[in-house]
N, C-alpha and C. Protein backbone atom coordinates (compact mmCIF):
# COMPACT_ATOMS: atom_id res chain seq x y z
N UNK A 1 76.06 -63.49 144.52
CA UNK A 1 75.40 -63.43 143.24
C UNK A 1 76.25 -64.16 142.22
N UNK A 2 75.59 -64.75 141.26
CA UNK A 2 76.26 -65.44 140.18
C UNK A 2 75.84 -64.81 138.86
N UNK A 3 76.76 -64.80 137.92
CA UNK A 3 76.47 -64.29 136.59
C UNK A 3 76.89 -65.36 135.58
N UNK A 4 76.11 -65.47 134.51
CA UNK A 4 76.47 -66.42 133.46
C UNK A 4 77.59 -65.82 132.63
N UNK A 5 78.64 -66.60 132.42
CA UNK A 5 79.75 -66.18 131.58
C UNK A 5 79.91 -67.18 130.46
N UNK A 6 80.59 -66.77 129.41
CA UNK A 6 80.88 -67.65 128.30
C UNK A 6 82.39 -67.71 128.14
N UNK A 7 82.93 -68.90 128.24
CA UNK A 7 84.36 -69.13 128.02
C UNK A 7 84.51 -70.32 127.10
N UNK A 8 85.32 -70.16 126.09
CA UNK A 8 85.58 -71.24 125.14
C UNK A 8 84.28 -71.79 124.56
N UNK A 9 83.33 -70.91 124.31
CA UNK A 9 82.08 -71.32 123.69
C UNK A 9 81.13 -72.06 124.61
N UNK A 10 81.44 -72.11 125.89
CA UNK A 10 80.58 -72.80 126.85
C UNK A 10 80.10 -71.84 127.93
N UNK A 11 78.86 -72.05 128.37
CA UNK A 11 78.25 -71.19 129.38
C UNK A 11 78.52 -71.76 130.77
N UNK A 12 78.93 -70.87 131.69
CA UNK A 12 79.22 -71.25 133.07
C UNK A 12 78.65 -70.20 134.01
N UNK A 13 78.57 -70.53 135.28
CA UNK A 13 78.18 -69.56 136.31
C UNK A 13 79.42 -69.15 137.08
N UNK A 14 79.60 -67.84 137.24
CA UNK A 14 80.74 -67.31 138.00
C UNK A 14 80.22 -66.58 139.22
N UNK A 15 80.89 -66.80 140.34
CA UNK A 15 80.55 -66.10 141.57
C UNK A 15 81.07 -64.68 141.51
N UNK A 16 80.21 -63.69 141.78
CA UNK A 16 80.65 -62.30 141.91
C UNK A 16 80.96 -62.10 143.39
N UNK A 17 82.22 -61.85 143.69
CA UNK A 17 82.66 -61.71 145.08
C UNK A 17 83.39 -60.39 145.25
N UNK A 18 82.73 -59.42 145.87
CA UNK A 18 83.34 -58.10 146.03
C UNK A 18 84.47 -58.10 147.05
N UNK A 19 84.64 -59.19 147.78
CA UNK A 19 85.77 -59.32 148.70
C UNK A 19 87.00 -59.91 148.00
N UNK A 20 86.81 -60.51 146.84
CA UNK A 20 87.93 -61.06 146.06
C UNK A 20 88.55 -59.93 145.24
N UNK A 21 89.80 -60.10 144.87
CA UNK A 21 90.49 -59.02 144.18
C UNK A 21 90.39 -59.09 142.66
N UNK A 22 90.59 -60.25 142.08
CA UNK A 22 90.73 -60.36 140.63
C UNK A 22 89.78 -61.39 140.03
N UNK A 23 90.15 -61.86 138.85
CA UNK A 23 89.44 -62.96 138.21
C UNK A 23 90.17 -64.24 138.58
N UNK A 24 89.42 -65.25 139.02
CA UNK A 24 90.03 -66.51 139.41
C UNK A 24 89.35 -67.66 138.70
N UNK A 25 90.13 -68.69 138.41
CA UNK A 25 89.61 -69.92 137.83
C UNK A 25 90.24 -71.07 138.61
N UNK A 26 89.49 -72.13 138.81
CA UNK A 26 90.02 -73.27 139.55
C UNK A 26 91.03 -74.03 138.69
N UNK A 27 91.92 -74.75 139.35
CA UNK A 27 92.89 -75.60 138.63
C UNK A 27 92.14 -76.57 137.73
N UNK A 28 91.06 -77.15 138.28
CA UNK A 28 90.27 -78.15 137.55
C UNK A 28 89.71 -77.57 136.25
N UNK A 29 89.13 -76.37 136.31
CA UNK A 29 88.54 -75.76 135.11
C UNK A 29 89.62 -75.36 134.11
N UNK A 30 90.75 -74.86 134.61
CA UNK A 30 91.84 -74.46 133.71
C UNK A 30 92.38 -75.66 132.94
N UNK A 31 92.51 -76.79 133.61
CA UNK A 31 92.97 -78.02 132.94
C UNK A 31 91.95 -78.47 131.90
N UNK A 32 90.67 -78.38 132.26
CA UNK A 32 89.59 -78.81 131.37
C UNK A 32 89.63 -78.04 130.05
N UNK A 33 89.91 -76.72 130.13
CA UNK A 33 89.94 -75.89 128.93
C UNK A 33 91.27 -75.96 128.19
N UNK A 34 92.31 -76.49 128.82
CA UNK A 34 93.62 -76.52 128.20
C UNK A 34 94.16 -75.12 127.95
N UNK A 35 93.98 -74.23 128.93
CA UNK A 35 94.38 -72.83 128.77
C UNK A 35 95.89 -72.66 128.80
N UNK A 36 96.37 -71.62 128.12
CA UNK A 36 97.78 -71.25 128.16
C UNK A 36 98.06 -70.67 129.54
N UNK A 37 98.91 -71.36 130.30
CA UNK A 37 99.12 -70.99 131.70
C UNK A 37 100.59 -70.71 131.96
N UNK A 38 100.84 -69.60 132.68
CA UNK A 38 102.19 -69.22 133.08
C UNK A 38 102.31 -69.33 134.59
N UNK A 39 103.51 -69.67 135.07
CA UNK A 39 103.74 -69.73 136.52
C UNK A 39 103.92 -68.32 137.06
N UNK A 40 103.53 -68.14 138.31
CA UNK A 40 103.65 -66.85 139.00
C UNK A 40 104.47 -67.02 140.28
N UNK A 41 105.02 -65.92 140.74
CA UNK A 41 105.71 -65.95 142.03
C UNK A 41 104.94 -65.13 143.06
N UNK A 42 103.68 -64.82 142.78
CA UNK A 42 102.84 -64.05 143.69
C UNK A 42 102.28 -64.96 144.78
N UNK A 43 101.80 -64.32 145.84
CA UNK A 43 101.13 -65.05 146.91
C UNK A 43 99.70 -64.56 147.03
N UNK A 44 98.86 -65.41 147.57
CA UNK A 44 97.45 -65.07 147.73
C UNK A 44 97.00 -65.46 149.13
N UNK A 45 96.11 -64.67 149.68
CA UNK A 45 95.55 -64.94 151.01
C UNK A 45 94.06 -65.14 150.85
N UNK A 46 93.58 -66.31 151.24
CA UNK A 46 92.15 -66.57 151.20
C UNK A 46 91.62 -66.63 152.62
N UNK A 47 90.31 -66.51 152.75
CA UNK A 47 89.67 -66.52 154.06
C UNK A 47 89.97 -67.85 154.75
N UNK A 48 90.25 -67.79 156.03
CA UNK A 48 90.49 -68.96 156.87
C UNK A 48 91.68 -69.81 156.42
N UNK A 49 92.64 -69.21 155.77
CA UNK A 49 93.84 -69.96 155.40
C UNK A 49 95.05 -69.04 155.46
N UNK A 50 96.21 -69.67 155.42
CA UNK A 50 97.44 -68.89 155.43
C UNK A 50 97.76 -68.45 154.01
N UNK A 51 98.64 -67.46 153.91
CA UNK A 51 99.07 -66.98 152.60
C UNK A 51 99.78 -68.12 151.87
N UNK A 52 99.45 -68.30 150.59
CA UNK A 52 100.03 -69.39 149.80
C UNK A 52 100.38 -68.87 148.42
N UNK A 53 101.29 -69.56 147.73
CA UNK A 53 101.64 -69.11 146.38
C UNK A 53 100.45 -69.25 145.43
N UNK A 54 100.30 -68.27 144.54
CA UNK A 54 99.31 -68.40 143.47
C UNK A 54 99.86 -69.44 142.52
N UNK A 55 99.03 -70.32 142.08
CA UNK A 55 99.50 -71.42 141.25
C UNK A 55 100.03 -70.92 139.92
N UNK A 56 99.16 -70.30 139.15
CA UNK A 56 99.53 -69.87 137.80
C UNK A 56 98.56 -68.80 137.33
N UNK A 57 98.83 -68.27 136.14
CA UNK A 57 97.90 -67.33 135.52
C UNK A 57 97.58 -67.82 134.11
N UNK A 58 96.30 -67.79 133.77
CA UNK A 58 95.85 -68.13 132.41
C UNK A 58 95.69 -66.80 131.67
N UNK A 59 96.47 -66.63 130.62
CA UNK A 59 96.54 -65.34 129.92
C UNK A 59 95.60 -65.29 128.72
N UNK A 60 95.06 -64.10 128.48
CA UNK A 60 94.25 -63.80 127.30
C UNK A 60 93.11 -64.79 127.07
N UNK A 61 92.35 -65.03 128.11
CA UNK A 61 91.20 -65.94 128.02
C UNK A 61 90.00 -65.15 127.50
N UNK A 62 89.37 -65.65 126.45
CA UNK A 62 88.16 -65.01 125.91
C UNK A 62 87.05 -65.13 126.94
N UNK A 63 86.53 -63.99 127.37
CA UNK A 63 85.47 -63.96 128.38
C UNK A 63 84.32 -63.12 127.85
N UNK A 64 83.11 -63.64 128.00
CA UNK A 64 81.92 -62.89 127.60
C UNK A 64 80.94 -62.87 128.77
N UNK A 65 80.45 -61.67 129.08
CA UNK A 65 79.41 -61.47 130.09
C UNK A 65 78.32 -60.64 129.41
N UNK A 66 77.17 -61.26 129.18
CA UNK A 66 76.13 -60.57 128.42
C UNK A 66 76.66 -60.23 127.04
N UNK A 67 76.53 -58.98 126.63
CA UNK A 67 77.05 -58.55 125.32
C UNK A 67 78.50 -58.07 125.40
N UNK A 68 79.03 -57.94 126.61
CA UNK A 68 80.42 -57.50 126.78
C UNK A 68 81.35 -58.68 126.56
N UNK A 69 82.48 -58.42 125.87
CA UNK A 69 83.50 -59.47 125.77
C UNK A 69 84.88 -58.86 125.74
N UNK A 70 85.85 -59.65 126.14
CA UNK A 70 87.23 -59.20 126.17
C UNK A 70 88.16 -60.36 126.47
N UNK A 71 89.45 -60.10 126.36
CA UNK A 71 90.46 -61.10 126.70
C UNK A 71 91.02 -60.73 128.07
N UNK A 72 90.94 -61.65 129.00
CA UNK A 72 91.30 -61.38 130.39
C UNK A 72 92.27 -62.42 130.92
N UNK A 73 93.03 -62.03 131.93
CA UNK A 73 93.93 -62.94 132.63
C UNK A 73 93.23 -63.43 133.90
N UNK A 74 93.22 -64.73 134.09
CA UNK A 74 92.65 -65.36 135.28
C UNK A 74 93.77 -65.95 136.12
N UNK A 75 93.72 -65.71 137.42
CA UNK A 75 94.66 -66.39 138.31
C UNK A 75 94.12 -67.79 138.56
N UNK A 76 94.99 -68.78 138.39
CA UNK A 76 94.61 -70.18 138.58
C UNK A 76 94.99 -70.56 140.01
N UNK A 77 93.98 -70.84 140.81
CA UNK A 77 94.22 -71.18 142.21
C UNK A 77 93.36 -72.38 142.60
N UNK A 78 93.62 -72.89 143.78
CA UNK A 78 92.80 -73.98 144.31
C UNK A 78 91.48 -73.39 144.81
N UNK A 79 90.40 -73.68 144.12
CA UNK A 79 89.06 -73.25 144.54
C UNK A 79 88.26 -74.51 144.84
N UNK A 80 87.61 -74.55 145.97
CA UNK A 80 86.86 -75.75 146.34
C UNK A 80 85.40 -75.71 145.91
N UNK A 81 84.77 -74.55 146.06
CA UNK A 81 83.33 -74.49 145.86
C UNK A 81 82.90 -74.04 144.47
N UNK A 82 83.68 -73.20 143.83
CA UNK A 82 83.29 -72.63 142.54
C UNK A 82 84.47 -72.71 141.58
N UNK A 83 84.19 -72.81 140.30
CA UNK A 83 85.27 -72.86 139.30
C UNK A 83 85.66 -71.47 138.81
N UNK A 84 84.76 -70.49 138.92
CA UNK A 84 85.02 -69.15 138.40
C UNK A 84 84.60 -68.11 139.42
N UNK A 85 85.46 -67.12 139.61
CA UNK A 85 85.16 -66.06 140.57
C UNK A 85 85.55 -64.72 139.97
N UNK A 86 84.65 -63.75 140.10
CA UNK A 86 84.88 -62.40 139.59
C UNK A 86 85.05 -61.47 140.78
N UNK A 87 86.19 -60.79 140.84
CA UNK A 87 86.51 -59.92 141.97
C UNK A 87 86.34 -58.44 141.67
N UNK A 88 86.54 -57.64 142.71
CA UNK A 88 86.27 -56.20 142.68
C UNK A 88 87.13 -55.44 141.67
N UNK A 89 88.40 -55.80 141.51
CA UNK A 89 89.26 -55.07 140.57
C UNK A 89 88.73 -55.19 139.14
N UNK A 90 88.26 -56.37 138.77
CA UNK A 90 87.67 -56.56 137.44
C UNK A 90 86.37 -55.77 137.32
N UNK A 91 85.53 -55.82 138.36
CA UNK A 91 84.27 -55.07 138.35
C UNK A 91 84.53 -53.59 138.13
N UNK A 92 85.53 -53.06 138.83
CA UNK A 92 85.87 -51.64 138.69
C UNK A 92 86.41 -51.32 137.30
N UNK A 93 87.29 -52.18 136.81
CA UNK A 93 87.97 -51.90 135.54
C UNK A 93 87.00 -51.83 134.36
N UNK A 94 86.02 -52.74 134.33
CA UNK A 94 85.08 -52.68 133.20
C UNK A 94 83.79 -51.95 133.58
N UNK A 95 83.81 -51.31 134.73
CA UNK A 95 82.71 -50.46 135.20
C UNK A 95 81.38 -51.21 135.33
N UNK A 96 81.41 -52.23 136.18
CA UNK A 96 80.19 -52.97 136.49
C UNK A 96 79.54 -52.36 137.72
N UNK A 97 78.25 -52.11 137.62
CA UNK A 97 77.47 -51.61 138.75
C UNK A 97 76.53 -52.73 139.17
N UNK A 98 76.57 -53.09 140.46
CA UNK A 98 75.74 -54.18 140.97
C UNK A 98 74.39 -53.65 141.45
N UNK A 99 73.33 -54.36 141.09
CA UNK A 99 71.99 -54.07 141.57
C UNK A 99 71.40 -55.37 142.11
N UNK A 100 71.84 -55.79 143.32
CA UNK A 100 71.42 -57.09 143.83
C UNK A 100 69.91 -57.21 144.06
N UNK A 101 69.25 -56.13 144.45
CA UNK A 101 67.80 -56.19 144.68
C UNK A 101 67.03 -56.42 143.39
N UNK A 102 67.62 -56.08 142.25
CA UNK A 102 66.96 -56.27 140.96
C UNK A 102 67.48 -57.51 140.23
N UNK A 103 68.42 -58.23 140.85
CA UNK A 103 69.05 -59.40 140.23
C UNK A 103 69.63 -59.08 138.86
N UNK A 104 70.38 -57.97 138.80
CA UNK A 104 71.04 -57.61 137.55
C UNK A 104 72.29 -56.78 137.82
N UNK A 105 73.15 -56.75 136.82
CA UNK A 105 74.31 -55.87 136.83
C UNK A 105 74.25 -55.03 135.57
N UNK A 106 74.88 -53.86 135.63
CA UNK A 106 74.99 -53.00 134.45
C UNK A 106 76.47 -52.82 134.17
N UNK A 107 76.85 -53.00 132.93
CA UNK A 107 78.22 -52.75 132.50
C UNK A 107 78.20 -51.45 131.72
N UNK A 108 78.83 -50.42 132.27
CA UNK A 108 78.84 -49.10 131.64
C UNK A 108 79.86 -49.12 130.51
N UNK A 109 79.39 -48.92 129.28
CA UNK A 109 80.27 -48.99 128.11
C UNK A 109 80.56 -47.62 127.51
N UNK A 110 79.88 -46.61 127.96
CA UNK A 110 80.08 -45.26 127.43
C UNK A 110 79.09 -44.32 128.07
N UNK A 111 79.16 -43.06 127.67
CA UNK A 111 78.25 -42.07 128.20
C UNK A 111 76.81 -42.47 127.86
N UNK A 112 76.01 -42.71 128.86
CA UNK A 112 74.61 -43.12 128.73
C UNK A 112 74.42 -44.47 128.04
N UNK A 113 75.48 -45.25 127.91
CA UNK A 113 75.37 -46.58 127.31
C UNK A 113 75.74 -47.63 128.35
N UNK A 114 74.91 -48.64 128.44
CA UNK A 114 75.22 -49.72 129.37
C UNK A 114 74.61 -51.02 128.89
N UNK A 115 75.20 -52.10 129.35
CA UNK A 115 74.71 -53.43 129.04
C UNK A 115 74.04 -53.97 130.30
N UNK A 116 72.82 -54.44 130.19
CA UNK A 116 72.10 -55.04 131.31
C UNK A 116 72.34 -56.54 131.29
N UNK A 117 72.73 -57.11 132.41
CA UNK A 117 72.96 -58.55 132.51
C UNK A 117 72.23 -59.06 133.75
N UNK A 118 71.42 -60.09 133.58
CA UNK A 118 70.74 -60.69 134.72
C UNK A 118 71.71 -61.55 135.52
N UNK A 119 71.51 -61.56 136.83
CA UNK A 119 72.30 -62.42 137.71
C UNK A 119 71.34 -63.31 138.48
N UNK A 120 71.88 -64.31 139.14
CA UNK A 120 71.05 -65.23 139.91
C UNK A 120 71.71 -65.50 141.25
N UNK A 121 70.95 -66.08 142.16
CA UNK A 121 71.41 -66.27 143.53
C UNK A 121 72.03 -67.63 143.79
N UNK A 122 71.98 -68.54 142.84
CA UNK A 122 72.61 -69.84 143.03
C UNK A 122 73.32 -70.24 141.75
N UNK A 123 73.97 -71.39 141.79
CA UNK A 123 74.78 -71.82 140.65
C UNK A 123 73.96 -72.51 139.57
N UNK A 124 72.68 -72.66 139.75
CA UNK A 124 71.80 -73.32 138.78
C UNK A 124 72.14 -74.79 138.56
N UNK A 125 72.79 -75.40 139.53
CA UNK A 125 73.12 -76.82 139.37
C UNK A 125 72.56 -77.65 140.51
N UNK A 126 71.62 -77.09 141.24
CA UNK A 126 71.00 -77.83 142.32
C UNK A 126 71.80 -77.83 143.61
N UNK A 127 72.91 -77.14 143.64
CA UNK A 127 73.72 -77.08 144.85
C UNK A 127 73.16 -76.01 145.77
N UNK A 128 72.95 -76.37 147.00
CA UNK A 128 72.50 -75.41 148.00
C UNK A 128 73.72 -74.92 148.77
N UNK A 129 73.82 -73.63 148.95
CA UNK A 129 74.94 -73.03 149.65
C UNK A 129 74.42 -72.46 150.96
N UNK A 130 75.13 -72.75 152.04
CA UNK A 130 74.74 -72.15 153.31
C UNK A 130 75.99 -71.77 154.08
N UNK A 131 75.82 -70.82 154.95
CA UNK A 131 76.91 -70.39 155.80
C UNK A 131 76.68 -70.96 157.18
N UNK A 132 77.75 -71.33 157.85
CA UNK A 132 77.61 -71.77 159.23
C UNK A 132 78.49 -70.91 160.10
N UNK A 133 78.04 -70.71 161.30
CA UNK A 133 78.78 -69.89 162.25
C UNK A 133 79.03 -70.75 163.47
N UNK A 134 80.27 -70.81 163.88
CA UNK A 134 80.60 -71.54 165.09
C UNK A 134 80.86 -70.52 166.19
N UNK A 135 80.10 -70.61 167.25
CA UNK A 135 80.26 -69.70 168.37
C UNK A 135 81.00 -70.41 169.49
N UNK A 136 82.00 -69.76 170.02
CA UNK A 136 82.70 -70.30 171.18
C UNK A 136 82.07 -69.70 172.42
N UNK A 137 81.90 -70.54 173.43
CA UNK A 137 81.28 -70.07 174.68
C UNK A 137 82.26 -69.17 175.41
N UNK A 138 81.82 -68.00 175.72
CA UNK A 138 82.62 -67.05 176.48
C UNK A 138 82.38 -67.34 177.96
N UNK A 139 83.45 -67.41 178.71
CA UNK A 139 83.35 -67.76 180.13
C UNK A 139 82.38 -66.84 180.86
N UNK A 140 82.42 -65.56 180.59
CA UNK A 140 81.57 -64.63 181.33
C UNK A 140 80.10 -64.77 180.97
N UNK A 141 79.79 -65.38 179.84
CA UNK A 141 78.40 -65.55 179.43
C UNK A 141 77.94 -66.99 179.51
N UNK A 142 78.80 -67.89 179.92
CA UNK A 142 78.48 -69.32 179.92
C UNK A 142 77.22 -69.67 180.67
N UNK A 143 77.03 -69.10 181.86
CA UNK A 143 75.86 -69.40 182.67
C UNK A 143 74.59 -68.99 181.93
N UNK A 144 74.60 -67.82 181.30
CA UNK A 144 73.41 -67.34 180.58
C UNK A 144 73.08 -68.23 179.39
N UNK A 145 74.10 -68.66 178.67
CA UNK A 145 73.87 -69.53 177.50
C UNK A 145 73.25 -70.84 177.96
N UNK A 146 73.80 -71.45 179.02
CA UNK A 146 73.25 -72.71 179.52
C UNK A 146 71.81 -72.54 179.98
N UNK A 147 71.49 -71.44 180.63
CA UNK A 147 70.13 -71.18 181.09
C UNK A 147 69.17 -71.05 179.92
N UNK A 148 69.60 -70.35 178.89
CA UNK A 148 68.75 -70.18 177.70
C UNK A 148 68.51 -71.53 177.04
N UNK A 149 69.56 -72.35 176.89
CA UNK A 149 69.39 -73.67 176.29
C UNK A 149 68.44 -74.52 177.13
N UNK A 150 68.60 -74.50 178.45
CA UNK A 150 67.76 -75.29 179.32
C UNK A 150 66.31 -74.84 179.21
N UNK A 151 66.08 -73.53 179.22
CA UNK A 151 64.72 -73.00 179.11
C UNK A 151 64.09 -73.31 177.76
N UNK A 152 64.89 -73.31 176.71
CA UNK A 152 64.36 -73.56 175.37
C UNK A 152 63.96 -75.01 175.20
N UNK A 153 64.60 -75.93 175.94
CA UNK A 153 64.28 -77.35 175.78
C UNK A 153 63.30 -77.86 176.83
N UNK A 154 62.99 -77.03 177.81
CA UNK A 154 62.07 -77.39 178.88
C UNK A 154 60.65 -77.46 178.31
N UNK A 155 59.88 -78.49 178.67
CA UNK A 155 58.50 -78.55 178.17
C UNK A 155 57.66 -77.40 178.72
N UNK A 156 56.70 -76.98 177.93
CA UNK A 156 55.82 -75.90 178.35
C UNK A 156 54.98 -76.34 179.54
N UNK A 157 54.81 -75.44 180.49
CA UNK A 157 53.99 -75.73 181.66
C UNK A 157 52.59 -75.18 181.44
N UNK A 158 51.61 -75.99 181.79
CA UNK A 158 50.22 -75.54 181.67
C UNK A 158 49.87 -74.73 182.91
N UNK A 159 49.18 -73.63 182.71
CA UNK A 159 48.80 -72.82 183.87
C UNK A 159 47.33 -72.93 184.17
């Protein structure tokens, strides 16, 4: 899911990733904004890669999501697909409740008070995202896989 955020007076789409830990911004976007950046000695582990040093942290960045706003620290890392990522620790801290079936999130601001924010399923920039799965042939199942492939490509027989 993606949510529209406002940073430095400009609207962007941020990926909501419950598997990510914090708020992240790409090196490219951080340079574009000219953010105040400090070096870190932390390490980060991303999917399908080895642990690597976190590049830097952008401190006290004005962030707005719907009617909610605050100053947040973003970890500046190498991101290939998205410039902004919102992780689970941030979602928990500001009490965001996800409602993916309704394409919205609620930010709980007090007893019986919440902010409704619409989310979307793509980045709104015409980019199509897909997942691919690579399956390795298991020796014990190899014969069955080959048979299935052969049967699937065999022309239909008329009876």
